[in-house]
């Protein structure tokens, strides 16, 4: 998280995880499912003796990673560090 002033309007100055999940965009869902699916595919390709188990474990790790990335991106939008026009229209500015 940058330590400079936000370049966009602040929507929520202390967003919780629920606030971040409620403000997910389609792009965030695509990143979540895409990274999880790519991780499953990678686990299947490299897990020769136990492909199913390796692919499932890789998908779980990929889902965890994707969740962190998506929550960080959403939090940055709510705090005003990334473009947040959709959130400003939906929730308004921070009071």
PDB file of N, CA and C in Angstrom:
ATOM      1  N   UNK A   1       0.856  -1.171   0.000  1.00  0.00           N
ATOM      2  CA  UNK A   1       0.000   0.000   0.000  1.00  0.00           C
ATOM      3  C   UNK A   1       0.898   1.228   0.000  1.00  0.00           C
ATOM      4  N   UNK A   2       0.680   2.146  -0.917  1.00  0.00           N
ATOM      5  CA  UNK A   2       1.502   3.348  -0.966  1.00  0.00           C
ATOM      6  C   UNK A   2       1.272   4.242   0.255  1.00  0.00           C
ATOM      7  N   UNK A   3       2.305   4.960   0.618  1.00  0.00           N
ATOM      8  CA  UNK A   3       2.213   5.848   1.771  1.00  0.00           C
ATOM      9  C   UNK A   3       1.945   7.286   1.380  1.00  0.00           C
ATOM     10  N   UNK A   4       1.598   7.507   0.125  1.00  0.00           N
ATOM     11  CA  UNK A   4       1.269   8.853  -0.319  1.00  0.00           C
ATOM     12  C   UNK A   4      -0.229   9.100  -0.161  1.00  0.00           C
ATOM     13  N   UNK A   5      -0.622  10.319  -0.434  1.00  0.00           N
ATOM     14  CA  UNK A   5      -2.043  10.649  -0.375  1.00  0.00           C
ATOM     15  C   UNK A   5      -2.770   9.969  -1.529  1.00  0.00           C
ATOM     16  N   UNK A   6      -4.020   9.572  -1.305  1.00  0.00           N
ATOM     17  CA  UNK A   6      -4.774   8.942  -2.394  1.00  0.00           C
ATOM     18  C   UNK A   6      -5.012   9.911  -3.540  1.00  0.00           C
ATOM     19  N   UNK A   7      -4.960   9.396  -4.758  1.00  0.00           N
ATOM     20  CA  UNK A   7      -5.168  10.224  -5.945  1.00  0.00           C
ATOM     21  C   UNK A   7      -6.630  10.275  -6.353  1.00  0.00           C
ATOM     22  N   UNK A   8      -7.447   9.408  -5.789  1.00  0.00           N
ATOM     23  CA  UNK A   8      -8.872   9.347  -6.120  1.00  0.00           C
ATOM     24  C   UNK A   8      -9.681   9.588  -4.852  1.00  0.00           C
ATOM     25  N   UNK A   9     -10.974   9.845  -4.961  1.00  0.00           N
ATOM     26  CA  UNK A   9     -11.780  10.089  -3.770  1.00  0.00           C
ATOM     27  C   UNK A   9     -11.837   8.857  -2.860  1.00  0.00           C
ATOM     28  N   UNK A  10     -11.812   9.102  -1.557  1.00  0.00           N
ATOM     29  CA  UNK A  10     -11.887   8.020  -0.572  1.00  0.00           C
ATOM     30  C   UNK A  10     -13.350   7.646  -0.373  1.00  0.00           C
ATOM     31  N   UNK A  11     -13.661   6.370  -0.555  1.00  0.00           N
ATOM     32  CA  UNK A  11     -15.017   5.878  -0.385  1.00  0.00           C
ATOM     33  C   UNK A  11     -15.227   5.388   1.042  1.00  0.00           C
ATOM     34  N   UNK A  12     -14.250   4.678   1.578  1.00  0.00           N
ATOM     35  CA  UNK A  12     -14.331   4.132   2.934  1.00  0.00           C
ATOM     36  C   UNK A  12     -12.929   4.193   3.521  1.00  0.00           C
ATOM     37  N   UNK A  13     -12.731   4.957   4.591  1.00  0.00           N
ATOM     38  CA  UNK A  13     -11.378   5.119   5.124  1.00  0.00           C
ATOM     39  C   UNK A  13     -10.922   3.961   6.012  1.00  0.00           C
ATOM     40  N   UNK A  14     -11.800   3.020   6.326  1.00  0.00           N
ATOM     41  CA  UNK A  14     -11.427   1.826   7.093  1.00  0.00           C
ATOM     42  C   UNK A  14     -12.274   0.643   6.620  1.00  0.00           C
ATOM     43  N   UNK A  15     -12.022   0.145   5.393  1.00  0.00           N
ATOM     44  CA  UNK A  15     -12.872  -0.925   4.858  1.00  0.00           C
ATOM     45  C   UNK A  15     -12.603  -2.263   5.534  1.00  0.00           C
ATOM     46  N   UNK A  16     -13.670  -2.976   5.858  1.00  0.00           N
ATOM     47  CA  UNK A  16     -13.548  -4.325   6.402  1.00  0.00           C
ATOM     48  C   UNK A  16     -13.531  -5.325   5.245  1.00  0.00           C
ATOM     49  N   UNK A  17     -13.328  -6.582   5.577  1.00  0.00           N
ATOM     50  CA  UNK A  17     -13.345  -7.613   4.547  1.00  0.00           C
ATOM     51  C   UNK A  17     -14.731  -7.698   3.907  1.00  0.00           C
ATOM     52  N   UNK A  18     -15.780  -7.558   4.715  1.00  0.00           N
ATOM     53  CA  UNK A  18     -17.143  -7.572   4.165  1.00  0.00           C
ATOM     54  C   UNK A  18     -17.366  -6.422   3.187  1.00  0.00           C
ATOM     55  N   UNK A  19     -16.848  -5.243   3.511  1.00  0.00           N
ATOM     56  CA  UNK A  19     -16.972  -4.109   2.594  1.00  0.00           C
ATOM     57  C   UNK A  19     -16.270  -4.410   1.269  1.00  0.00           C
ATOM     58  N   UNK A  20     -15.101  -5.030   1.353  1.00  0.00           N
ATOM     59  CA  UNK A  20     -14.358  -5.357   0.140  1.00  0.00           C
ATOM     60  C   UNK A  20     -15.088  -6.410  -0.687  1.00  0.00           C
ATOM     61  N   UNK A  21     -15.632  -7.433  -0.036  1.00  0.00           N
ATOM     62  CA  UNK A  21     -16.345  -8.484  -0.762  1.00  0.00           C
ATOM     63  C   UNK A  21     -17.612  -7.928  -1.398  1.00  0.00           C
ATOM     64  N   UNK A  22     -18.297  -7.031  -0.711  1.00  0.00           N
ATOM     65  CA  UNK A  22     -19.520  -6.449  -1.260  1.00  0.00           C
ATOM     66  C   UNK A  22     -19.270  -5.534  -2.449  1.00  0.00           C
ATOM     67  N   UNK A  23     -18.046  -5.055  -2.612  1.00  0.00           N
ATOM     68  CA  UNK A  23     -17.764  -4.133  -3.715  1.00  0.00           C
ATOM     69  C   UNK A  23     -16.895  -4.777  -4.798  1.00  0.00           C
ATOM     70  N   UNK A  24     -16.954  -6.086  -4.941  1.00  0.00           N
ATOM     71  CA  UNK A  24     -16.209  -6.758  -5.998  1.00  0.00           C
ATOM     72  C   UNK A  24     -16.812  -6.432  -7.356  1.00  0.00           C
ATOM     73  N   UNK A  25     -15.957  -6.299  -8.341  1.00  0.00           N
ATOM     74  CA  UNK A  25     -16.381  -6.060  -9.719  1.00  0.00           C
ATOM     75  C   UNK A  25     -16.298  -7.366 -10.507  1.00  0.00           C
ATOM     76  N   UNK A  26     -16.829  -7.344 -11.736  1.00  0.00           N
ATOM     77  CA  UNK A  26     -16.732  -8.532 -12.596  1.00  0.00           C
ATOM     78  C   UNK A  26     -15.274  -8.902 -12.850  1.00  0.00           C
ATOM     79  N   UNK A  27     -14.442  -7.898 -13.004  1.00  0.00           N
ATOM     80  CA  UNK A  27     -13.018  -8.131 -13.234  1.00  0.00           C
ATOM     81  C   UNK A  27     -12.393  -8.882 -12.066  1.00  0.00           C
ATOM     82  N   UNK A  28     -12.837  -8.584 -10.843  1.00  0.00           N
ATOM     83  CA  UNK A  28     -12.309  -9.271  -9.668  1.00  0.00           C
ATOM     84  C   UNK A  28     -12.716 -10.738  -9.656  1.00  0.00           C
ATOM     85  N   UNK A  29     -13.971 -11.004 -10.012  1.00  0.00           N
ATOM     86  CA  UNK A  29     -14.419 -12.394 -10.090  1.00  0.00           C
ATOM     87  C   UNK A  29     -13.654 -13.153 -11.172  1.00  0.00           C
ATOM     88  N   UNK A  30     -13.417 -12.494 -12.300  1.00  0.00           N
ATOM     89  CA  UNK A  30     -12.664 -13.136 -13.383  1.00  0.00           C
ATOM     90  C   UNK A  30     -11.233 -13.445 -12.937  1.00  0.00           C
ATOM     91  N   UNK A  31     -10.609 -12.532 -12.210  1.00  0.00           N
ATOM     92  CA  UNK A  31      -9.258 -12.780 -11.700  1.00  0.00           C
ATOM     93  C   UNK A  31      -9.259 -13.931 -10.709  1.00  0.00           C
ATOM     94  N   UNK A  32     -10.265 -13.967  -9.854  1.00  0.00           N
ATOM     95  CA  UNK A  32     -10.359 -15.034  -8.849  1.00  0.00           C
ATOM     96  C   UNK A  32     -10.493 -16.397  -9.515  1.00  0.00           C
ATOM     97  N   UNK A  33     -11.435 -16.518 -10.451  1.00  0.00           N
ATOM     98  CA  UNK A  33     -11.653 -17.800 -11.108  1.00  0.00           C
ATOM     99  C   UNK A  33     -10.526 -18.133 -12.082  1.00  0.00           C
ATOM    100  N   UNK A  34      -9.977 -17.124 -12.732  1.00  0.00           N
ATOM    101  CA  UNK A  34      -8.884 -17.353 -13.677  1.00  0.00           C
ATOM    102  C   UNK A  34      -7.620 -17.851 -12.997  1.00  0.00           C
ATOM    103  N   UNK A  35      -7.236 -17.210 -11.910  1.00  0.00           N
ATOM    104  CA  UNK A  35      -6.042 -17.648 -11.192  1.00  0.00           C
ATOM    105  C   UNK A  35      -6.232 -19.029 -10.569  1.00  0.00           C
ATOM    106  N   UNK A  36      -7.434 -19.292 -10.073  1.00  0.00           N
ATOM    107  CA  UNK A  36      -7.700 -20.611  -9.504  1.00  0.00           C
ATOM    108  C   UNK A  36      -7.638 -21.683 -10.589  1.00  0.00           C
ATOM    109  N   UNK A  37      -8.259 -21.415 -11.714  1.00  0.00           N
ATOM    110  CA  UNK A  37      -8.234 -22.379 -12.816  1.00  0.00           C
ATOM    111  C   UNK A  37      -6.842 -22.591 -13.384  1.00  0.00           C
ATOM    112  N   UNK A  38      -6.077 -21.520 -13.517  1.00  0.00           N
ATOM    113  CA  UNK A  38      -4.707 -21.646 -14.017  1.00  0.00           C
ATOM    114  C   UNK A  38      -3.844 -22.440 -13.041  1.00  0.00           C
ATOM    115  N   UNK A  39      -4.076 -22.251 -11.750  1.00  0.00           N
ATOM    116  CA  UNK A  39      -3.326 -23.011 -10.752  1.00  0.00           C
ATOM    117  C   UNK A  39      -3.674 -24.489 -10.820  1.00  0.00           C
ATOM    118  N   UNK A  40      -4.959 -24.789 -11.036  1.00  0.00           N
ATOM    119  CA  UNK A  40      -5.363 -26.190 -11.170  1.00  0.00           C
ATOM    120  C   UNK A  40      -4.686 -26.815 -12.387  1.00  0.00           C
ATOM    121  N   UNK A  41      -4.679 -26.090 -13.500  1.00  0.00           N
ATOM    122  CA  UNK A  41      -4.034 -26.602 -14.709  1.00  0.00           C
ATOM    123  C   UNK A  41      -2.550 -26.832 -14.518  1.00  0.00           C
ATOM    124  N   UNK A  42      -1.895 -25.914 -13.846  1.00  0.00           N
ATOM    125  CA  UNK A  42      -0.467 -26.075 -13.567  1.00  0.00           C
ATOM    126  C   UNK A  42      -0.234 -27.290 -12.679  1.00  0.00           C
ATOM    127  N   UNK A  43      -1.052 -27.458 -11.643  1.00  0.00           N
ATOM    128  CA  UNK A  43      -0.910 -28.615 -10.762  1.00  0.00           C
ATOM    129  C   UNK A  43      -1.146 -29.920 -11.500  1.00  0.00           C
ATOM    130  N   UNK A  44      -2.053 -29.913 -12.452  1.00  0.00           N
ATOM    131  CA  UNK A  44      -2.321 -31.122 -13.233  1.00  0.00           C
ATOM    132  C   UNK A  44      -1.142 -31.448 -14.143  1.00  0.00           C
ATOM    133  N   UNK A  45      -0.522 -30.400 -14.726  1.00  0.00           N
ATOM    134  CA  UNK A  45       0.597 -30.630 -15.646  1.00  0.00           C
ATOM    135  C   UNK A  45       1.831 -31.151 -14.925  1.00  0.00           C
ATOM    136  N   UNK A  46       2.126 -30.637 -13.741  1.00  0.00           N
ATOM    137  CA  UNK A  46       3.374 -31.030 -13.066  1.00  0.00           C
ATOM    138  C   UNK A  46       3.184 -32.192 -12.095  1.00  0.00           C
ATOM    139  N   UNK A  47       1.977 -32.605 -11.801  1.00  0.00           N
ATOM    140  CA  UNK A  47       1.748 -33.639 -10.797  1.00  0.00           C
ATOM    141  C   UNK A  47       1.585 -35.014 -11.387  1.00  0.00           C
ATOM    142  N   UNK A  48       2.618 -35.516 -12.067  1.00  0.00           N
ATOM    143  CA  UNK A  48       2.499 -36.750 -12.834  1.00  0.00           C
ATOM    144  C   UNK A  48       1.985 -37.962 -12.050  1.00  0.00           C
ATOM    145  N   UNK A  49       2.542 -38.361 -10.929  1.00  0.00           N
ATOM    146  CA  UNK A  49       2.023 -39.592 -10.320  1.00  0.00           C
ATOM    147  C   UNK A  49       0.613 -39.430  -9.742  1.00  0.00           C
ATOM    148  N   UNK A  50       0.327 -38.301  -9.127  1.00  0.00           N
ATOM    149  CA  UNK A  50      -0.978 -38.057  -8.505  1.00  0.00           C
ATOM    150  C   UNK A  50      -1.557 -36.756  -9.049  1.00  0.00           C
ATOM    151  N   UNK A  51      -1.982 -36.783 -10.279  1.00  0.00           N
ATOM    152  CA  UNK A  51      -2.428 -35.561 -10.945  1.00  0.00           C
ATOM    153  C   UNK A  51      -3.628 -34.918 -10.259  1.00  0.00           C
ATOM    154  N   UNK A  52      -4.617 -35.686  -9.880  1.00  0.00           N
ATOM    155  CA  UNK A  52      -5.825 -35.127  -9.271  1.00  0.00           C
ATOM    156  C   UNK A  52      -5.547 -34.441  -7.945  1.00  0.00           C
ATOM    157  N   UNK A  53      -4.789 -35.100  -7.099  1.00  0.00           N
ATOM    158  CA  UNK A  53      -4.479 -34.527  -5.787  1.00  0.00           C
ATOM    159  C   UNK A  53      -3.588 -33.295  -5.913  1.00  0.00           C
ATOM    160  N   UNK A  54      -2.607 -33.363  -6.796  1.00  0.00           N
ATOM    161  CA  UNK A  54      -1.718 -32.218  -6.990  1.00  0.00           C
ATOM    162  C   UNK A  54      -2.478 -31.039  -7.585  1.00  0.00           C
ATOM    163  N   UNK A  55      -3.354 -31.315  -8.537  1.00  0.00           N
ATOM    164  CA  UNK A  55      -4.132 -30.246  -9.156  1.00  0.00           C
ATOM    165  C   UNK A  55      -5.065 -29.600  -8.139  1.00  0.00           C
ATOM    166  N   UNK A  56      -5.699 -30.397  -7.285  1.00  0.00           N
ATOM    167  CA  UNK A  56      -6.600 -29.844  -6.269  1.00  0.00           C
ATOM    168  C   UNK A  56      -5.850 -29.007  -5.246  1.00  0.00           C
ATOM    169  N   UNK A  57      -4.682 -29.460  -4.841  1.00  0.00           N
ATOM    170  CA  UNK A  57      -3.877 -28.689  -3.898  1.00  0.00           C
ATOM    171  C   UNK A  57      -3.408 -27.382  -4.522  1.00  0.00           C
ATOM    172  N   UNK A  58      -2.982 -27.449  -5.772  1.00  0.00           N
ATOM    173  CA  UNK A  58      -2.552 -26.227  -6.460  1.00  0.00           C
ATOM    174  C   UNK A  58      -3.726 -25.261  -6.626  1.00  0.00           C
ATOM    175  N   UNK A  59      -4.918 -25.780  -6.886  1.00  0.00           N
ATOM    176  CA  UNK A  59      -6.092 -24.916  -7.011  1.00  0.00           C
ATOM    177  C   UNK A  59      -6.423 -24.238  -5.687  1.00  0.00           C
ATOM    178  N   UNK A  60      -6.279 -24.962  -4.582  1.00  0.00           N
ATOM    179  CA  UNK A  60      -6.527 -24.359  -3.267  1.00  0.00           C
ATOM    180  C   UNK A  60      -5.522 -23.247  -2.977  1.00  0.00           C
ATOM    181  N   UNK A  61      -4.266 -23.494  -3.317  1.00  0.00           N
ATOM    182  CA  UNK A  61      -3.238 -22.461  -3.120  1.00  0.00           C
ATOM    183  C   UNK A  61      -3.504 -21.273  -4.046  1.00  0.00           C
ATOM    184  N   UNK A  62      -3.892 -21.543  -5.292  1.00  0.00           N
ATOM    185  CA  UNK A  62      -4.200 -20.474  -6.230  1.00  0.00           C
ATOM    186  C   UNK A  62      -5.406 -19.656  -5.807  1.00  0.00           C
ATOM    187  N   UNK A  63      -6.418 -20.315  -5.245  1.00  0.00           N
ATOM    188  CA  UNK A  63      -7.596 -19.601  -4.758  1.00  0.00           C
ATOM    189  C   UNK A  63      -7.231 -18.683  -3.591  1.00  0.00           C
ATOM    190  N   UNK A  64      -6.382 -19.170  -2.703  1.00  0.00           N
ATOM    191  CA  UNK A  64      -5.938 -18.348  -1.575  1.00  0.00           C
ATOM    192  C   UNK A  64      -5.170 -17.125  -2.070  1.00  0.00           C
ATOM    193  N   UNK A  65      -4.249 -17.341  -2.995  1.00  0.00           N
ATOM    194  CA  UNK A  65      -3.480 -16.235  -3.572  1.00  0.00           C
ATOM    195  C   UNK A  65      -4.401 -15.240  -4.276  1.00  0.00           C
ATOM    196  N   UNK A  66      -5.326 -15.752  -5.074  1.00  0.00           N
ATOM    197  CA  UNK A  66      -6.243 -14.884  -5.808  1.00  0.00           C
ATOM    198  C   UNK A  66      -7.130 -14.088  -4.854  1.00  0.00           C
ATOM    199  N   UNK A  67      -7.542 -14.703  -3.757  1.00  0.00           N
ATOM    200  CA  UNK A  67      -8.356 -13.987  -2.766  1.00  0.00           C
ATOM    201  C   UNK A  67      -7.596 -12.808  -2.186  1.00  0.00           C
ATOM    202  N   UNK A  68      -6.337 -13.019  -1.854  1.00  0.00           N
ATOM    203  CA  UNK A  68      -5.530 -11.934  -1.313  1.00  0.00           C
ATOM    204  C   UNK A  68      -5.334 -10.814  -2.335  1.00  0.00           C
ATOM    205  N   UNK A  69      -5.073 -11.181  -3.582  1.00  0.00           N
ATOM    206  CA  UNK A  69      -4.866 -10.177  -4.630  1.00  0.00           C
ATOM    207  C   UNK A  69      -6.136  -9.359  -4.860  1.00  0.00           C
ATOM    208  N   UNK A  70      -7.274 -10.037  -4.933  1.00  0.00           N
ATOM    209  CA  UNK A  70      -8.543  -9.355  -5.183  1.00  0.00           C
ATOM    210  C   UNK A  70      -8.921  -8.458  -4.006  1.00  0.00           C
ATOM    211  N   UNK A  71      -8.737  -8.936  -2.788  1.00  0.00           N
ATOM    212  CA  UNK A  71      -9.060  -8.098  -1.621  1.00  0.00           C
ATOM    213  C   UNK A  71      -8.146  -6.889  -1.522  1.00  0.00           C
ATOM    214  N   UNK A  72      -6.877  -7.063  -1.871  1.00  0.00           N
ATOM    215  CA  UNK A  72      -5.949  -5.934  -1.855  1.00  0.00           C
ATOM    216  C   UNK A  72      -6.344  -4.895  -2.905  1.00  0.00           C
ATOM    217  N   UNK A  73      -6.730  -5.355  -4.092  1.00  0.00           N
ATOM    218  CA  UNK A  73      -7.143  -4.439  -5.152  1.00  0.00           C
ATOM    219  C   UNK A  73      -8.424  -3.700  -4.769  1.00  0.00           C
ATOM    220  N   UNK A  74      -9.374  -4.421  -4.200  1.00  0.00           N
ATOM    221  CA  UNK A  74     -10.635  -3.797  -3.789  1.00  0.00           C
ATOM    222  C   UNK A  74     -10.401  -2.797  -2.665  1.00  0.00           C
ATOM    223  N   UNK A  75      -9.566  -3.143  -1.720  1.00  0.00           N
ATOM    224  CA  UNK A  75      -9.253  -2.223  -0.616  1.00  0.00           C
ATOM    225  C   UNK A  75      -8.585  -0.952  -1.146  1.00  0.00           C
ATOM    226  N   UNK A  76      -7.708  -1.109  -2.130  1.00  0.00           N
ATOM    227  CA  UNK A  76      -7.059   0.067  -2.728  1.00  0.00           C
ATOM    228  C   UNK A  76      -8.072   0.979  -3.399  1.00  0.00           C
ATOM    229  N   UNK A  77      -9.084   0.394  -4.035  1.00  0.00           N
ATOM    230  CA  UNK A  77     -10.121   1.228  -4.657  1.00  0.00           C
ATOM    231  C   UNK A  77     -10.951   1.944  -3.603  1.00  0.00           C
ATOM    232  N   UNK A  78     -11.309   1.265  -2.527  1.00  0.00           N
ATOM    233  CA  UNK A  78     -12.120   1.906  -1.488  1.00  0.00           C
ATOM    234  C   UNK A  78     -11.346   3.004  -0.763  1.00  0.00           C
ATOM    235  N   UNK A  79     -10.037   2.842  -0.644  1.00  0.00           N
ATOM    236  CA  UNK A  79      -9.215   3.852   0.020  1.00  0.00           C
ATOM    237  C   UNK A  79      -8.782   4.978  -0.916  1.00  0.00           C
ATOM    238  N   UNK A  80      -9.056   4.856  -2.219  1.00  0.00           N
ATOM    239  CA  UNK A  80      -8.755   5.925  -3.156  1.00  0.00           C
ATOM    240  C   UNK A  80      -7.393   5.841  -3.810  1.00  0.00           C
ATOM    241  N   UNK A  81      -6.696   4.712  -3.700  1.00  0.00           N
ATOM    242  CA  UNK A  81      -5.386   4.577  -4.321  1.00  0.00           C
ATOM    243  C   UNK A  81      -5.472   4.073  -5.756  1.00  0.00           C
ATOM    244  N   UNK A  82      -6.625   3.568  -6.163  1.00  0.00           N
ATOM    245  CA  UNK A  82      -6.847   3.130  -7.543  1.00  0.00           C
ATOM    246  C   UNK A  82      -8.155   3.733  -8.039  1.00  0.00           C
ATOM    247  N   UNK A  83      -8.368   3.667  -9.340  1.00  0.00           N
ATOM    248  CA  UNK A  83      -9.571   4.224  -9.955  1.00  0.00           C
ATOM    249  C   UNK A  83     -10.810   3.606  -9.311  1.00  0.00           C
ATOM    250  N   UNK A  84     -11.731   4.457  -8.860  1.00  0.00           N
ATOM    251  CA  UNK A  84     -12.880   3.961  -8.097  1.00  0.00           C
ATOM    252  C   UNK A  84     -14.184   4.675  -8.452  1.00  0.00           C
ATOM    253  N   UNK A  85     -14.356   5.004  -9.717  1.00  0.00           N
ATOM    254  CA  UNK A  85     -15.575   5.696 -10.129  1.00  0.00           C
ATOM    255  C   UNK A  85     -16.836   4.890  -9.862  1.00  0.00           C
ATOM    256  N   UNK A  86     -16.775   3.585 -10.053  1.00  0.00           N
ATOM    257  CA  UNK A  86     -17.945   2.726  -9.817  1.00  0.00           C
ATOM    258  C   UNK A  86     -18.316   2.735  -8.336  1.00  0.00           C
ATOM    259  N   UNK A  87     -17.320   2.656  -7.475  1.00  0.00           N
ATOM    260  CA  UNK A  87     -17.578   2.631  -6.030  1.00  0.00           C
ATOM    261  C   UNK A  87     -18.106   3.981  -5.536  1.00  0.00           C
ATOM    262  N   UNK A  88     -17.611   5.076  -6.105  1.00  0.00           N
ATOM    263  CA  UNK A  88     -18.102   6.399  -5.714  1.00  0.00           C
ATOM    264  C   UNK A  88     -19.580   6.537  -6.078  1.00  0.00           C
ATOM    265  N   UNK A  89     -19.956   6.062  -7.272  1.00  0.00           N
ATOM    266  CA  UNK A  89     -21.354   6.119  -7.678  1.00  0.00           C
ATOM    267  C   UNK A  89     -22.225   5.210  -6.794  1.00  0.00           C
ATOM    268  N   UNK A  90     -21.705   4.068  -6.413  1.00  0.00           N
ATOM    269  CA  UNK A  90     -22.485   3.083  -5.658  1.00  0.00           C
ATOM    270  C   UNK A  90     -22.612   3.451  -4.179  1.00  0.00           C
ATOM    271  N   UNK A  91     -21.498   3.871  -3.557  1.00  0.00           N
ATOM    272  CA  UNK A  91     -21.481   4.097  -2.111  1.00  0.00           C
ATOM    273  C   UNK A  91     -21.382   5.561  -1.709  1.00  0.00           C
ATOM    274  N   UNK A  92     -20.947   6.413  -2.604  1.00  0.00           N
ATOM    275  CA  UNK A  92     -20.744   7.822  -2.247  1.00  0.00           C
ATOM    276  C   UNK A  92     -19.370   8.038  -1.639  1.00  0.00           C
ATOM    277  N   UNK A  93     -19.089   9.266  -1.256  1.00  0.00           N
ATOM    278  CA  UNK A  93     -17.800   9.604  -0.674  1.00  0.00           C
ATOM    279  C   UNK A  93     -17.786   9.358   0.819  1.00  0.00           C
ATOM    280  N   UNK A  94     -16.578   9.215   1.365  1.00  0.00           N
ATOM    281  CA  UNK A  94     -16.418   9.030   2.810  1.00  0.00           C
ATOM    282  C   UNK A  94     -16.756  10.323   3.529  1.00  0.00           C
ATOM    283  N   UNK A  95     -17.425  10.212   4.657  1.00  0.00           N
ATOM    284  CA  UNK A  95     -17.815  11.407   5.418  1.00  0.00           C
ATOM    285  C   UNK A  95     -16.866  11.662   6.556  1.00  0.00           C
TER     286      UNK A  95
END
